Structures are given as C-alpha cells and as structure tokens.
Amino acid sequence: MIISTPPLSGHRQRGFSLVEVLVALIVMSVGMLGIASLYVQSMQAGRTSLFRHNAVTLAGDVADRIRANPTAGAAYEGDGADAGCIAGGVDCSAPQMAGQDILVWERQAEDSLPDGAVVIVHNAAALPPTYQIQVTWNEPEGPQNYTITIPVRGN
C-alpha cells in the first residue's frame, strides 16, 4: 500500500503560527507601555498645573490684602503674628494687620503647596512703592516659584 502526500505547493495554511502571535503580542506590549507613559506624564502635568494655580491664587490674595492695607509698608516683610485681628474683636493697627495677613498666607502656603512659602519685599524707593510677592514650593523636578510685583498707592 502506497500512501501519497499532497504536494506542498498547493497546500494553504490556515490560522496563525506561534511566531506571528508572539510578534503581535510584543508590538501590542510596546504600544501599551507608550500609553502608560503618556498617562504618567499627564498625571504629572496635572499636579504641576494644580500647584501653579494654587500659587497664583495665593499671590493674588496676598496682593489684595496688601492693597487693602497700604500704610503697613515694610511690616509685610516681617514675621506673621496672631494679633486677634480676624474675628477677635480687636481694632488692629496697620502693622498688626500685616502680621495677621502674613500668618494667614503662611498657613495657606503650607496647606496648598508642598513646602510652600511666601516672601515679600517692599521697595519704598519706587514711585509708587512696590511689593514683590514670591510664592515658592517644591516638586520632584525641583523648586518652583511664582513672582509678581505690584504697585501700591497710599503710603
């Protein structure tokens, strides 16, 4: 009895070979790693954006409080102190109010920014006098800051 085998040239392959499946799996893995990398970068950008927003908002609050108390001058360069000006029923002087404002900013910076701090420099020689407000914080990429300079009339 003779067994004949069909010719190879007319043979059609059906399905996928194991090598093709492995190559497709590697290609998909590389694509998924790329997507994961983009996701991580978007999360970092979102965090940075949130911190920058908090810094801008805090600097705006500092500027508004300085404009509301224009006669305090260099008192805004000092340390914060709780003089009971807020909800304490105390009639505070301009320097006392400045100390109270600084205390509030320090707490806000600590609460909303990692290692957050506010530094104020008063320039009385400028006309009108100016205040430079710098908000600083730390991120994994390194220290960050936001700085604005505002003129304040009424000194």
Foldseek 3Di string as FASTA:
>chain_A
DDDDDDDPVVDDDDDDDPVVVVVVVVVVVVVVVVVVVVVVVVVVVVVVVQLVVLQVVLVVVVVVLCQVLVVLACLLQDAADPPCPPVNPDDDDSSNSSNPSLVVSQVSQVVRAAVKHWGWDWAVPDVQIKIKIKIWHADPVGIDIDIDMDGHPDD
